[in-house]
Amino acid sequence: MRVTEKGQVTIPKNIRDRLNIEPGMEVDFVQRSDGVVELVRVPGGRESVLHRSLEDWFAKLEGTSDSGLNSDEIMTLTRGGDGDAD
């Protein structure tokens, strides 16, 4: 395994597969007391990034609807109704 000038390494595919490491996930190198360095997944790494992204997206959407429909009318339309909630 070669280290780039920026200190980057490519994790071999068989190791990524074994550890279920996917693009966007966070990993860390941990040095044990015996000098061995382990590659570990950071708990919640990718999931946290996805969760934060969704929260940011929903926050941007909050208060942006001006359809004039109430929630019952929106649910009727969502379920394939004609929009008449009464």
N, C-alpha and C. Protein backbone atom coordinates (compact mmCIF):
# COMPACT_ATOMS: atom_id res chain seq x y z
N MET A 1 0.85 -1.16 0.00
CA MET A 1 0.00 0.00 0.00
C MET A 1 0.90 1.23 0.00
N ARG A 2 0.63 2.16 -0.87
CA ARG A 2 1.46 3.36 -1.01
C ARG A 2 0.74 4.56 -0.39
N VAL A 3 1.50 5.42 0.25
CA VAL A 3 0.97 6.64 0.86
C VAL A 3 1.26 7.80 -0.09
N THR A 4 0.23 8.61 -0.40
CA THR A 4 0.42 9.76 -1.28
C THR A 4 1.10 10.90 -0.52
N GLU A 5 1.48 11.95 -1.25
CA GLU A 5 2.10 13.12 -0.62
C GLU A 5 1.19 13.74 0.43
N LYS A 6 -0.12 13.58 0.25
CA LYS A 6 -1.09 14.14 1.20
C LYS A 6 -1.35 13.19 2.37
N GLY A 7 -0.66 12.05 2.39
CA GLY A 7 -0.84 11.09 3.47
C GLY A 7 -2.03 10.17 3.27
N GLN A 8 -2.55 10.10 2.06
CA GLN A 8 -3.72 9.27 1.77
C GLN A 8 -3.31 7.87 1.35
N VAL A 9 -4.16 6.91 1.70
CA VAL A 9 -3.98 5.53 1.25
C VAL A 9 -5.31 5.03 0.69
N THR A 10 -5.23 4.08 -0.21
CA THR A 10 -6.43 3.44 -0.73
C THR A 10 -6.66 2.16 0.04
N ILE A 11 -7.85 2.03 0.62
CA ILE A 11 -8.19 0.81 1.36
C ILE A 11 -8.55 -0.26 0.34
N PRO A 12 -7.86 -1.39 0.36
CA PRO A 12 -8.16 -2.45 -0.61
C PRO A 12 -9.62 -2.89 -0.56
N LYS A 13 -10.17 -3.23 -1.73
CA LYS A 13 -11.59 -3.59 -1.83
C LYS A 13 -11.97 -4.73 -0.91
N ASN A 14 -11.12 -5.76 -0.80
CA ASN A 14 -11.49 -6.90 0.05
C ASN A 14 -11.64 -6.46 1.52
N ILE A 15 -10.84 -5.49 1.95
CA ILE A 15 -10.95 -4.99 3.33
C ILE A 15 -12.20 -4.12 3.47
N ARG A 16 -12.45 -3.25 2.46
CA ARG A 16 -13.67 -2.43 2.49
C ARG A 16 -14.90 -3.31 2.55
N ASP A 17 -14.91 -4.38 1.76
CA ASP A 17 -16.04 -5.30 1.75
C ASP A 17 -16.20 -5.99 3.10
N ARG A 18 -15.10 -6.45 3.66
CA ARG A 18 -15.14 -7.16 4.94
C ARG A 18 -15.65 -6.27 6.08
N LEU A 19 -15.28 -4.99 6.04
CA LEU A 19 -15.69 -4.05 7.10
C LEU A 19 -16.95 -3.26 6.74
N ASN A 20 -17.54 -3.59 5.58
CA ASN A 20 -18.73 -2.87 5.10
C ASN A 20 -18.49 -1.37 5.03
N ILE A 21 -17.33 -0.98 4.52
CA ILE A 21 -16.99 0.44 4.37
C ILE A 21 -17.44 0.89 2.99
N GLU A 22 -18.26 1.94 2.97
CA GLU A 22 -18.78 2.48 1.72
C GLU A 22 -18.35 3.93 1.58
N PRO A 23 -18.38 4.47 0.36
CA PRO A 23 -18.02 5.87 0.17
C PRO A 23 -18.82 6.78 1.09
N GLY A 24 -18.14 7.73 1.69
CA GLY A 24 -18.79 8.67 2.60
C GLY A 24 -18.69 8.28 4.06
N MET A 25 -18.37 7.01 4.33
CA MET A 25 -18.22 6.57 5.71
C MET A 25 -16.90 7.08 6.27
N GLU A 26 -16.87 7.26 7.58
CA GLU A 26 -15.65 7.71 8.23
C GLU A 26 -14.93 6.52 8.85
N VAL A 27 -13.61 6.53 8.73
CA VAL A 27 -12.77 5.50 9.34
C VAL A 27 -11.65 6.19 10.10
N ASP A 28 -10.99 5.44 10.95
CA ASP A 28 -9.88 5.99 11.71
C ASP A 28 -8.81 4.92 11.84
N PHE A 29 -7.58 5.36 12.04
CA PHE A 29 -6.47 4.46 12.33
C PHE A 29 -6.19 4.56 13.82
N VAL A 30 -6.15 3.42 14.48
CA VAL A 30 -5.91 3.38 15.93
C VAL A 30 -4.65 2.56 16.18
N GLN A 31 -3.71 3.15 16.91
CA GLN A 31 -2.48 2.42 17.23
C GLN A 31 -2.63 1.76 18.59
N ARG A 32 -2.47 0.44 18.60
CA ARG A 32 -2.54 -0.32 19.84
C ARG A 32 -1.23 -0.19 20.61
N SER A 33 -1.24 -0.63 21.86
CA SER A 33 -0.04 -0.53 22.70
C SER A 33 1.12 -1.36 22.17
N ASP A 34 0.80 -2.42 21.38
CA ASP A 34 1.88 -3.25 20.83
C ASP A 34 2.41 -2.69 19.51
N GLY A 35 1.94 -1.50 19.10
CA GLY A 35 2.44 -0.85 17.90
C GLY A 35 1.65 -1.15 16.64
N VAL A 36 0.76 -2.15 16.70
CA VAL A 36 -0.06 -2.50 15.53
C VAL A 36 -1.09 -1.39 15.31
N VAL A 37 -1.27 -1.02 14.05
CA VAL A 37 -2.26 -0.01 13.70
C VAL A 37 -3.48 -0.71 13.12
N GLU A 38 -4.65 -0.37 13.65
CA GLU A 38 -5.91 -0.97 13.19
C GLU A 38 -6.74 0.08 12.45
N LEU A 39 -7.44 -0.38 11.43
CA LEU A 39 -8.39 0.46 10.72
C LEU A 39 -9.76 0.17 11.32
N VAL A 40 -10.44 1.20 11.80
CA VAL A 40 -11.76 1.00 12.42
C VAL A 40 -12.76 1.97 11.80
N ARG A 41 -14.00 1.52 11.72
CA ARG A 41 -15.08 2.40 11.29
C ARG A 41 -15.45 3.33 12.43
N VAL A 42 -15.69 4.59 12.12
CA VAL A 42 -16.16 5.54 13.13
C VAL A 42 -17.66 5.30 13.29
N PRO A 43 -18.12 5.01 14.52
CA PRO A 43 -19.55 4.75 14.72
C PRO A 43 -20.42 5.90 14.21
N GLY A 44 -21.42 5.54 13.42
CA GLY A 44 -22.36 6.53 12.93
C GLY A 44 -21.84 7.43 11.84
N GLY A 45 -20.63 7.18 11.34
CA GLY A 45 -20.03 8.06 10.34
C GLY A 45 -20.93 8.38 9.18
N ARG A 46 -21.18 7.44 8.31
CA ARG A 46 -21.99 7.68 7.11
C ARG A 46 -23.43 7.97 7.48
N GLU A 47 -23.95 7.20 8.43
CA GLU A 47 -25.33 7.38 8.82
C GLU A 47 -25.56 8.78 9.36
N SER A 48 -24.61 9.28 10.13
CA SER A 48 -24.74 10.62 10.69
C SER A 48 -24.71 11.67 9.60
N VAL A 49 -23.83 11.48 8.61
CA VAL A 49 -23.75 12.43 7.51
C VAL A 49 -25.07 12.46 6.76
N LEU A 50 -25.62 11.28 6.46
CA LEU A 50 -26.90 11.19 5.76
C LEU A 50 -28.00 11.83 6.59
N HIS A 51 -28.04 11.52 7.87
CA HIS A 51 -29.07 12.06 8.75
C HIS A 51 -28.99 13.59 8.79
N ARG A 52 -27.78 14.12 8.93
CA ARG A 52 -27.62 15.58 8.96
C ARG A 52 -28.05 16.20 7.64
N SER A 53 -27.72 15.54 6.53
CA SER A 53 -28.09 16.06 5.22
C SER A 53 -29.61 16.12 5.07
N LEU A 54 -30.28 15.07 5.51
CA LEU A 54 -31.75 15.06 5.44
C LEU A 54 -32.35 16.12 6.34
N GLU A 55 -31.81 16.27 7.55
CA GLU A 55 -32.32 17.30 8.46
C GLU A 55 -32.15 18.69 7.85
N ASP A 56 -31.00 18.94 7.25
CA ASP A 56 -30.75 20.24 6.61
C ASP A 56 -31.74 20.47 5.47
N TRP A 57 -31.98 19.43 4.67
CA TRP A 57 -32.89 19.54 3.53
C TRP A 57 -34.30 19.83 4.00
N PHE A 58 -34.78 19.10 5.03
CA PHE A 58 -36.12 19.33 5.55
C PHE A 58 -36.23 20.72 6.17
N ALA A 59 -35.18 21.17 6.84
CA ALA A 59 -35.20 22.50 7.45
C ALA A 59 -35.35 23.58 6.38
N LYS A 60 -34.70 23.37 5.22
CA LYS A 60 -34.82 24.34 4.14
C LYS A 60 -36.23 24.36 3.56
N LEU A 61 -36.90 23.20 3.58
CA LEU A 61 -38.26 23.11 3.04
C LEU A 61 -39.32 23.63 3.99
N GLU A 62 -39.01 23.66 5.27
CA GLU A 62 -39.99 24.05 6.27
C GLU A 62 -40.54 25.45 5.97
N GLY A 63 -41.87 25.52 5.92
CA GLY A 63 -42.53 26.80 5.70
C GLY A 63 -42.52 27.28 4.26
N THR A 64 -42.15 26.42 3.31
CA THR A 64 -42.06 26.88 1.92
C THR A 64 -43.31 26.60 1.10
N SER A 65 -44.25 25.85 1.64
CA SER A 65 -45.46 25.52 0.89
C SER A 65 -46.47 26.65 1.00
N ASP A 66 -47.03 27.04 -0.13
CA ASP A 66 -48.08 28.06 -0.10
C ASP A 66 -49.27 27.58 -0.94
N SER A 67 -49.54 26.26 -0.88
CA SER A 67 -50.60 25.67 -1.69
C SER A 67 -51.99 26.07 -1.22
N GLY A 68 -52.11 26.50 0.04
CA GLY A 68 -53.42 26.83 0.58
C GLY A 68 -54.20 25.61 1.04
N LEU A 69 -53.61 24.43 0.91
CA LEU A 69 -54.28 23.20 1.34
C LEU A 69 -53.95 22.90 2.79
N ASN A 70 -54.93 22.31 3.49
CA ASN A 70 -54.62 21.85 4.85
C ASN A 70 -54.07 20.43 4.77
N SER A 71 -53.63 19.89 5.89
CA SER A 71 -52.97 18.58 5.88
C SER A 71 -53.90 17.46 5.40
N ASP A 72 -55.20 17.52 5.74
CA ASP A 72 -56.13 16.49 5.27
C ASP A 72 -56.25 16.51 3.75
N GLU A 73 -56.31 17.70 3.17
CA GLU A 73 -56.40 17.82 1.71
C GLU A 73 -55.13 17.31 1.03
N ILE A 74 -54.00 17.62 1.62
CA ILE A 74 -52.72 17.14 1.07
C ILE A 74 -52.66 15.62 1.14
N MET A 75 -53.10 15.03 2.26
CA MET A 75 -53.09 13.56 2.39
C MET A 75 -54.03 12.92 1.38
N THR A 76 -55.19 13.51 1.14
CA THR A 76 -56.11 12.98 0.14
C THR A 76 -55.47 12.99 -1.24
N LEU A 77 -54.82 14.09 -1.58
CA LEU A 77 -54.13 14.16 -2.87
C LEU A 77 -53.00 13.14 -2.96
N THR A 78 -52.27 12.98 -1.87
CA THR A 78 -51.15 12.04 -1.83
C THR A 78 -51.64 10.61 -2.05
N ARG A 79 -52.80 10.32 -1.52
CA ARG A 79 -53.36 8.95 -1.63
C ARG A 79 -54.10 8.74 -2.94
N GLY A 80 -54.09 9.73 -3.81
CA GLY A 80 -54.71 9.56 -5.12
C GLY A 80 -56.14 10.03 -5.18
N GLY A 81 -56.60 10.77 -4.18
CA GLY A 81 -57.96 11.29 -4.19
C GLY A 81 -58.09 12.49 -5.11
N ASP A 82 -59.29 13.05 -5.14
CA ASP A 82 -59.54 14.19 -6.03
C ASP A 82 -59.26 15.53 -5.38
N GLY A 83 -58.77 15.51 -4.14
CA GLY A 83 -58.45 16.76 -3.47
C GLY A 83 -59.58 17.30 -2.63
N ASP A 84 -60.76 16.68 -2.70
CA ASP A 84 -61.91 17.11 -1.90
C ASP A 84 -61.90 16.35 -0.59
N ALA A 85 -61.37 16.98 0.46
CA ALA A 85 -61.21 16.31 1.75
C ALA A 85 -62.48 16.27 2.56
N ASP A 86 -63.51 16.96 2.14
CA ASP A 86 -64.76 16.99 2.92
C ASP A 86 -65.62 15.78 2.69
